[in-house]
Amino acid sequence: MIPFAAVLSDLDGVLRHFDHAAQADIEARYGLPLMKTAFDPELIMPPTLGHVTETQWAESIAVALGGDERARQAVGEFMRIRFWVDEEVRALLSRARQEVPLVIVTNAMDTLEHHLDLLGLTGFADDVVSSARVGVAKPDRRIYEIAAERAGAEPARCLFVDDRLQNVEAARALGMTAVHYRTYQDLAAVLG
């Protein structure tokens, strides 16, 4: 029996993973600081909050990297990096969902629904709270409150899982039980 009224789980770094070796390879081959540039707060926050599209974000990365053909090719490869679902985590969250609502809480872009479809995760959770759709991103307390409300649970009765410590600490500040996800065992220890 799960001692929570709902499970709120991050997507990237918990359920979905990207090929980091391929990312490093692209950076090395092109000699460009792709990751640092792509995830610079000034570039990543507008699409994360739904102010621009993922396509516009990609263009902003290319421009920041010089705007030439080489930069555009590097960004094109970066945007096509392979991603996949951690099947052990999927199974664990699926079992939890048999007992309590499961809500995905993710800092995402306008392409999230398409990505969930590609991953076979459409309909996997009871709800999905995407920062691009609600206009606030983790660690802003409002996104946690939205997720708890959609789960129909008080924050203090929610289990929150995320791979970023800053997001975990924000959930704890709201009274949630929060797991800093690094490996499957971190989550299994709580959901067993």
C-alpha atoms as a PDB file:
ATOM      1  CA  MET A   1       0.000   0.000   0.000  1.00  0.00           C
ATOM      2  CA  ILE A   2       1.419   3.373  -1.027  1.00  0.00           C
ATOM      3  CA  PRO A   3       1.386   5.881   1.873  1.00  0.00           C
ATOM      4  CA  PHE A   4       0.694   8.850  -0.424  1.00  0.00           C
ATOM      5  CA  ALA A   5      -2.441  10.252  -2.057  1.00  0.00           C
ATOM      6  CA  ALA A   6      -0.636  10.939  -5.347  1.00  0.00           C
ATOM      7  CA  VAL A   7       2.688  10.514  -7.126  1.00  0.00           C
ATOM      8  CA  LEU A   8       4.055  13.518  -9.013  1.00  0.00           C
ATOM      9  CA  SER A   9       6.975  12.579 -11.244  1.00  0.00           C
ATOM     10  CA  ASP A  10       9.392  14.514 -13.386  1.00  0.00           C
ATOM     11  CA  LEU A  11       9.839  13.287 -16.957  1.00  0.00           C
ATOM     12  CA  ASP A  12      13.410  14.030 -18.082  1.00  0.00           C
ATOM     13  CA  GLY A  13      16.116  12.363 -16.064  1.00  0.00           C
ATOM     14  CA  VAL A  14      13.602  10.076 -14.331  1.00  0.00           C
ATOM     15  CA  LEU A  15      11.320   8.463 -16.903  1.00  0.00           C
ATOM     16  CA  ARG A  16      12.873   9.753 -20.141  1.00  0.00           C
ATOM     17  CA  HIS A  17      16.588   9.787 -20.868  1.00  0.00           C
ATOM     18  CA  PHE A  18      18.711  11.326 -23.606  1.00  0.00           C
ATOM     19  CA  ASP A  19      21.899  10.027 -25.213  1.00  0.00           C
ATOM     20  CA  HIS A  20      24.492  12.184 -23.418  1.00  0.00           C
ATOM     21  CA  ALA A  21      27.383  10.502 -25.223  1.00  0.00           C
ATOM     22  CA  ALA A  22      25.894  11.625 -28.536  1.00  0.00           C
ATOM     23  CA  GLN A  23      25.520  15.163 -27.178  1.00  0.00           C
ATOM     24  CA  ALA A  24      29.201  15.199 -26.170  1.00  0.00           C
ATOM     25  CA  ASP A  25      30.163  13.796 -29.569  1.00  0.00           C
ATOM     26  CA  ILE A  26      28.330  16.606 -31.395  1.00  0.00           C
ATOM     27  CA  GLU A  27      30.033  19.221 -29.241  1.00  0.00           C
ATOM     28  CA  ALA A  28      33.453  17.655 -29.847  1.00  0.00           C
ATOM     29  CA  ARG A  29      32.993  17.298 -33.613  1.00  0.00           C
ATOM     30  CA  TYR A  30      31.788  20.861 -34.095  1.00  0.00           C
ATOM     31  CA  GLY A  31      33.898  22.446 -31.358  1.00  0.00           C
ATOM     32  CA  LEU A  32      30.879  24.372 -30.075  1.00  0.00           C
ATOM     33  CA  PRO A  33      29.574  24.810 -26.494  1.00  0.00           C
ATOM     34  CA  LEU A  34      26.210  23.390 -27.498  1.00  0.00           C
ATOM     35  CA  MET A  35      24.889  22.234 -24.117  1.00  0.00           C
ATOM     36  CA  LYS A  36      25.975  25.351 -22.234  1.00  0.00           C
ATOM     37  CA  THR A  37      24.385  27.531 -24.901  1.00  0.00           C
ATOM     38  CA  ALA A  38      21.179  25.527 -25.282  1.00  0.00           C
ATOM     39  CA  PHE A  39      20.524  25.491 -21.546  1.00  0.00           C
ATOM     40  CA  ASP A  40      21.522  29.080 -20.847  1.00  0.00           C
ATOM     41  CA  PRO A  41      18.547  30.422 -18.827  1.00  0.00           C
ATOM     42  CA  GLU A  42      18.026  33.284 -21.298  1.00  0.00           C
ATOM     43  CA  LEU A  43      17.541  30.790 -24.137  1.00  0.00           C
ATOM     44  CA  ILE A  44      15.840  27.868 -22.382  1.00  0.00           C
ATOM     45  CA  MET A  45      13.253  29.739 -20.279  1.00  0.00           C
ATOM     46  CA  PRO A  46      11.141  31.268 -23.106  1.00  0.00           C
ATOM     47  CA  PRO A  47      10.252  27.866 -24.664  1.00  0.00           C
ATOM     48  CA  THR A  48       9.943  26.279 -21.219  1.00  0.00           C
ATOM     49  CA  LEU A  49       7.321  28.867 -20.302  1.00  0.00           C
ATOM     50  CA  GLY A  50       5.532  28.522 -23.641  1.00  0.00           C
ATOM     51  CA  HIS A  51       6.566  31.956 -24.937  1.00  0.00           C
ATOM     52  CA  VAL A  52       8.321  30.538 -28.027  1.00  0.00           C
ATOM     53  CA  THR A  53       8.283  27.181 -29.809  1.00  0.00           C
ATOM     54  CA  GLU A  54      10.943  24.498 -29.739  1.00  0.00           C
ATOM     55  CA  THR A  55      11.766  25.441 -33.344  1.00  0.00           C
ATOM     56  CA  GLN A  56      12.337  29.041 -32.312  1.00  0.00           C
ATOM     57  CA  TRP A  57      14.522  27.839 -29.423  1.00  0.00           C
ATOM     58  CA  ALA A  58      16.650  25.808 -31.837  1.00  0.00           C
ATOM     59  CA  GLU A  59      17.082  28.883 -34.019  1.00  0.00           C
ATOM     60  CA  SER A  60      18.107  30.968 -30.996  1.00  0.00           C
ATOM     61  CA  ILE A  61      20.791  28.382 -30.149  1.00  0.00           C
ATOM     62  CA  ALA A  62      22.139  28.462 -33.704  1.00  0.00           C
ATOM     63  CA  VAL A  63      22.240  32.271 -33.660  1.00  0.00           C
ATOM     64  CA  ALA A  64      24.017  32.293 -30.277  1.00  0.00           C
ATOM     65  CA  LEU A  65      26.591  29.846 -31.687  1.00  0.00           C
ATOM     66  CA  GLY A  66      27.375  32.154 -34.595  1.00  0.00           C
ATOM     67  CA  GLY A  67      24.429  31.668 -36.924  1.00  0.00           C
ATOM     68  CA  ASP A  68      26.458  30.033 -39.696  1.00  0.00           C
ATOM     69  CA  GLU A  69      25.770  26.745 -41.495  1.00  0.00           C
ATOM     70  CA  ARG A  70      28.083  24.839 -39.159  1.00  0.00           C
ATOM     71  CA  ALA A  71      26.163  26.061 -36.099  1.00  0.00           C
ATOM     72  CA  ARG A  72      22.847  25.153 -37.736  1.00  0.00           C
ATOM     73  CA  GLN A  73      24.085  21.647 -38.570  1.00  0.00           C
ATOM     74  CA  ALA A  74      25.260  21.122 -34.989  1.00  0.00           C
ATOM     75  CA  VAL A  75      21.929  22.306 -33.607  1.00  0.00           C
ATOM     76  CA  GLY A  76      20.065  20.118 -36.102  1.00  0.00           C
ATOM     77  CA  GLU A  77      21.928  17.049 -34.861  1.00  0.00           C
ATOM     78  CA  PHE A  78      21.365  18.110 -31.251  1.00  0.00           C
ATOM     79  CA  MET A  79      17.612  18.386 -31.833  1.00  0.00           C
ATOM     80  CA  ARG A  80      17.536  14.833 -33.203  1.00  0.00           C
ATOM     81  CA  ILE A  81      19.354  13.229 -30.240  1.00  0.00           C
ATOM     82  CA  ARG A  82      17.832   9.877 -29.369  1.00  0.00           C
ATOM     83  CA  PHE A  83      15.713   9.574 -26.245  1.00  0.00           C
ATOM     84  CA  TRP A  84      14.027   6.619 -24.594  1.00  0.00           C
ATOM     85  CA  VAL A  85      11.945   5.496 -21.620  1.00  0.00           C
ATOM     86  CA  ASP A  86      13.484   3.781 -18.611  1.00  0.00           C
ATOM     87  CA  GLU A  87      11.299   0.663 -18.598  1.00  0.00           C
ATOM     88  CA  GLU A  88      11.984  -0.146 -14.935  1.00  0.00           C
ATOM     89  CA  VAL A  89      10.804   3.306 -13.877  1.00  0.00           C
ATOM     90  CA  ARG A  90       7.799   3.035 -16.195  1.00  0.00           C
ATOM     91  CA  ALA A  91       6.808  -0.268 -14.568  1.00  0.00           C
ATOM     92  CA  LEU A  92       7.262   1.108 -11.057  1.00  0.00           C
ATOM     93  CA  LEU A  93       5.203   4.227 -11.760  1.00  0.00           C
ATOM     94  CA  SER A  94       2.578   2.143 -13.529  1.00  0.00           C
ATOM     95  CA  ARG A  95       2.198  -0.046 -10.422  1.00  0.00           C
ATOM     96  CA  ALA A  96       1.904   3.072  -8.243  1.00  0.00           C
ATOM     97  CA  ARG A  97      -0.801   4.415 -10.557  1.00  0.00           C
ATOM     98  CA  GLN A  98      -2.926   1.351  -9.789  1.00  0.00           C
ATOM     99  CA  GLU A  99      -3.244   2.712  -6.245  1.00  0.00           C
ATOM    100  CA  VAL A 100      -3.035   6.512  -6.554  1.00  0.00           C
ATOM    101  CA  PRO A 101      -3.139   9.182  -9.264  1.00  0.00           C
ATOM    102  CA  LEU A 102       0.086   9.708 -11.215  1.00  0.00           C
ATOM    103  CA  VAL A 103       0.867  13.169 -12.598  1.00  0.00           C
ATOM    104  CA  ILE A 104       3.883  13.973 -14.771  1.00  0.00           C
ATOM    105  CA  VAL A 105       5.285  17.396 -13.814  1.00  0.00           C
ATOM    106  CA  THR A 106       7.799  18.608 -16.363  1.00  0.00           C
ATOM    107  CA  ASN A 107       9.607  21.667 -17.587  1.00  0.00           C
ATOM    108  CA  ALA A 108       8.857  21.071 -21.246  1.00  0.00           C
ATOM    109  CA  MET A 109       8.235  22.757 -24.570  1.00  0.00           C
ATOM    110  CA  ASP A 110       5.395  22.859 -27.077  1.00  0.00           C
ATOM    111  CA  THR A 111       6.498  19.486 -28.509  1.00  0.00           C
ATOM    112  CA  LEU A 112       5.890  17.533 -25.291  1.00  0.00           C
ATOM    113  CA  GLU A 113       2.698  15.824 -26.444  1.00  0.00           C
ATOM    114  CA  HIS A 114       4.408  14.662 -29.638  1.00  0.00           C
ATOM    115  CA  HIS A 115       7.359  13.323 -27.626  1.00  0.00           C
ATOM    116  CA  LEU A 116       5.053  11.484 -25.236  1.00  0.00           C
ATOM    117  CA  ASP A 117       3.382   9.899 -28.242  1.00  0.00           C
ATOM    118  CA  LEU A 118       6.747   8.831 -29.699  1.00  0.00           C
ATOM    119  CA  LEU A 119       7.664   7.287 -26.345  1.00  0.00           C
ATOM    120  CA  GLY A 120       4.373   5.419 -25.997  1.00  0.00           C
ATOM    121  CA  LEU A 121       3.526   7.500 -22.923  1.00  0.00           C
ATOM    122  CA  THR A 122       0.349   9.196 -24.151  1.00  0.00           C
ATOM    123  CA  GLY A 123      -2.237   8.348 -21.490  1.00  0.00           C
ATOM    124  CA  PHE A 124       0.408   6.787 -19.227  1.00  0.00           C
ATOM    125  CA  ALA A 125      -0.299   9.254 -16.405  1.00  0.00           C
ATOM    126  CA  ASP A 126      -3.594  10.581 -15.079  1.00  0.00           C
ATOM    127  CA  ASP A 127      -2.461  14.081 -16.040  1.00  0.00           C
ATOM    128  CA  VAL A 128       0.554  15.937 -17.389  1.00  0.00           C
ATOM    129  CA  VAL A 129       1.526  19.358 -16.071  1.00  0.00           C
ATOM    130  CA  SER A 130       3.781  20.937 -18.676  1.00  0.00           C
ATOM    131  CA  SER A 131       5.478  24.237 -17.891  1.00  0.00           C
ATOM    132  CA  ALA A 132       4.925  25.343 -21.499  1.00  0.00           C
ATOM    133  CA  ARG A 133       1.170  24.869 -21.056  1.00  0.00           C
ATOM    134  CA  VAL A 134       0.720  26.339 -17.559  1.00  0.00           C
ATOM    135  CA  GLY A 135       3.251  29.179 -17.893  1.00  0.00           C
ATOM    136  CA  VAL A 136       5.283  28.399 -14.767  1.00  0.00           C
ATOM    137  CA  ALA A 137       8.288  26.105 -14.389  1.00  0.00           C
ATOM    138  CA  LYS A 138       9.922  24.158 -11.601  1.00  0.00           C
ATOM    139  CA  PRO A 139      11.059  25.204  -9.055  1.00  0.00           C
ATOM    140  CA  ASP A 140       8.232  27.802  -8.965  1.00  0.00           C
ATOM    141  CA  ARG A 141       5.854  26.660  -6.224  1.00  0.00           C
ATOM    142  CA  ARG A 142       2.819  27.267  -8.448  1.00  0.00           C
ATOM    143  CA  ILE A 143       3.609  24.333 -10.746  1.00  0.00           C
ATOM    144  CA  TYR A 144       3.663  21.980  -7.745  1.00  0.00           C
ATOM    145  CA  GLU A 145       0.364  23.387  -6.519  1.00  0.00           C
ATOM    146  CA  ILE A 146      -1.185  22.901  -9.968  1.00  0.00           C
ATOM    147  CA  ALA A 147       0.042  19.295 -10.052  1.00  0.00           C
ATOM    148  CA  ALA A 148      -1.293  18.502  -6.572  1.00  0.00           C
ATOM    149  CA  GLU A 149      -4.646  20.076  -7.436  1.00  0.00           C
ATOM    150  CA  ARG A 150      -4.900  18.055 -10.653  1.00  0.00           C
ATOM    151  CA  ALA A 151      -4.077  14.908  -8.676  1.00  0.00           C
ATOM    152  CA  GLY A 152      -6.806  15.809  -6.194  1.00  0.00           C
ATOM    153  CA  ALA A 153      -4.375  15.637  -3.286  1.00  0.00           C
ATOM    154  CA  GLU A 154      -3.062  17.994  -0.641  1.00  0.00           C
ATOM    155  CA  PRO A 155       0.636  18.802  -1.198  1.00  0.00           C
ATOM    156  CA  ALA A 156       1.523  17.163   2.124  1.00  0.00           C
ATOM    157  CA  ARG A 157       0.052  13.879   0.826  1.00  0.00           C
ATOM    158  CA  CYS A 158       2.047  13.911  -2.438  1.00  0.00           C
ATOM    159  CA  LEU A 159       5.228  12.102  -3.329  1.00  0.00           C
ATOM    160  CA  PHE A 160       7.336  14.181  -5.727  1.00  0.00           C
ATOM    161  CA  VAL A 161      10.211  12.699  -7.748  1.00  0.00           C
ATOM    162  CA  ASP A 162      12.820  14.706  -9.687  1.00  0.00           C
ATOM    163  CA  ASP A 163      16.455  14.364 -10.717  1.00  0.00           C
ATOM    164  CA  ARG A 164      17.227  18.022  -9.924  1.00  0.00           C
ATOM    165  CA  LEU A 165      17.876  18.748  -6.263  1.00  0.00           C
ATOM    166  CA  GLN A 166      16.610  22.337  -6.594  1.00  0.00           C
ATOM    167  CA  ASN A 167      13.213  21.001  -7.696  1.00  0.00           C
ATOM    168  CA  VAL A 168      13.160  18.432  -4.899  1.00  0.00           C
ATOM    169  CA  GLU A 169      13.904  21.102  -2.292  1.00  0.00           C
ATOM    170  CA  ALA A 170      11.108  23.308  -3.647  1.00  0.00           C
ATOM    171  CA  ALA A 171       8.654  20.414  -3.306  1.00  0.00           C
ATOM    172  CA  ARG A 172       9.804  19.771   0.253  1.00  0.00           C
ATOM    173  CA  ALA A 173       9.279  23.451   1.069  1.00  0.00           C
ATOM    174  CA  LEU A 174       5.592  22.917   0.186  1.00  0.00           C
ATOM    175  CA  GLY A 175       5.402  19.949   2.556  1.00  0.00           C
ATOM    176  CA  MET A 176       5.650  17.219  -0.083  1.00  0.00           C
ATOM    177  CA  THR A 177       7.641  14.070   0.454  1.00  0.00           C
ATOM    178  CA  ALA A 178      10.294  14.358  -2.233  1.00  0.00           C
ATOM    179  CA  VAL A 179      12.811  11.943  -3.714  1.00  0.00           C
ATOM    180  CA  HIS A 180      16.001  13.150  -5.355  1.00  0.00           C
ATOM    181  CA  TYR A 181      16.198  10.655  -8.224  1.00  0.00           C
ATOM    182  CA  ARG A 182      19.663   9.466  -9.250  1.00  0.00           C
ATOM    183  CA  THR A 183      19.031   5.766  -9.775  1.00  0.00           C
ATOM    184  CA  TYR A 184      16.063   3.416  -9.963  1.00  0.00           C
ATOM    185  CA  GLN A 185      16.776   2.350  -6.369  1.00  0.00           C
ATOM    186  CA  ASP A 186      16.054   5.877  -5.100  1.00  0.00           C
ATOM    187  CA  LEU A 187      12.483   5.551  -6.325  1.00  0.00           C
ATOM    188  CA  ALA A 188      12.086   1.849  -5.576  1.00  0.00           C
ATOM    189  CA  ALA A 189      13.049   2.492  -1.947  1.00  0.00           C
ATOM    190  CA  VAL A 190       9.940   4.676  -1.596  1.00  0.00           C
ATOM    191  CA  LEU A 191       7.495   2.937  -3.930  1.00  0.00           C
ATOM    192  CA  GLY A 192       8.942  -0.581  -3.643  1.00  0.00           C
END
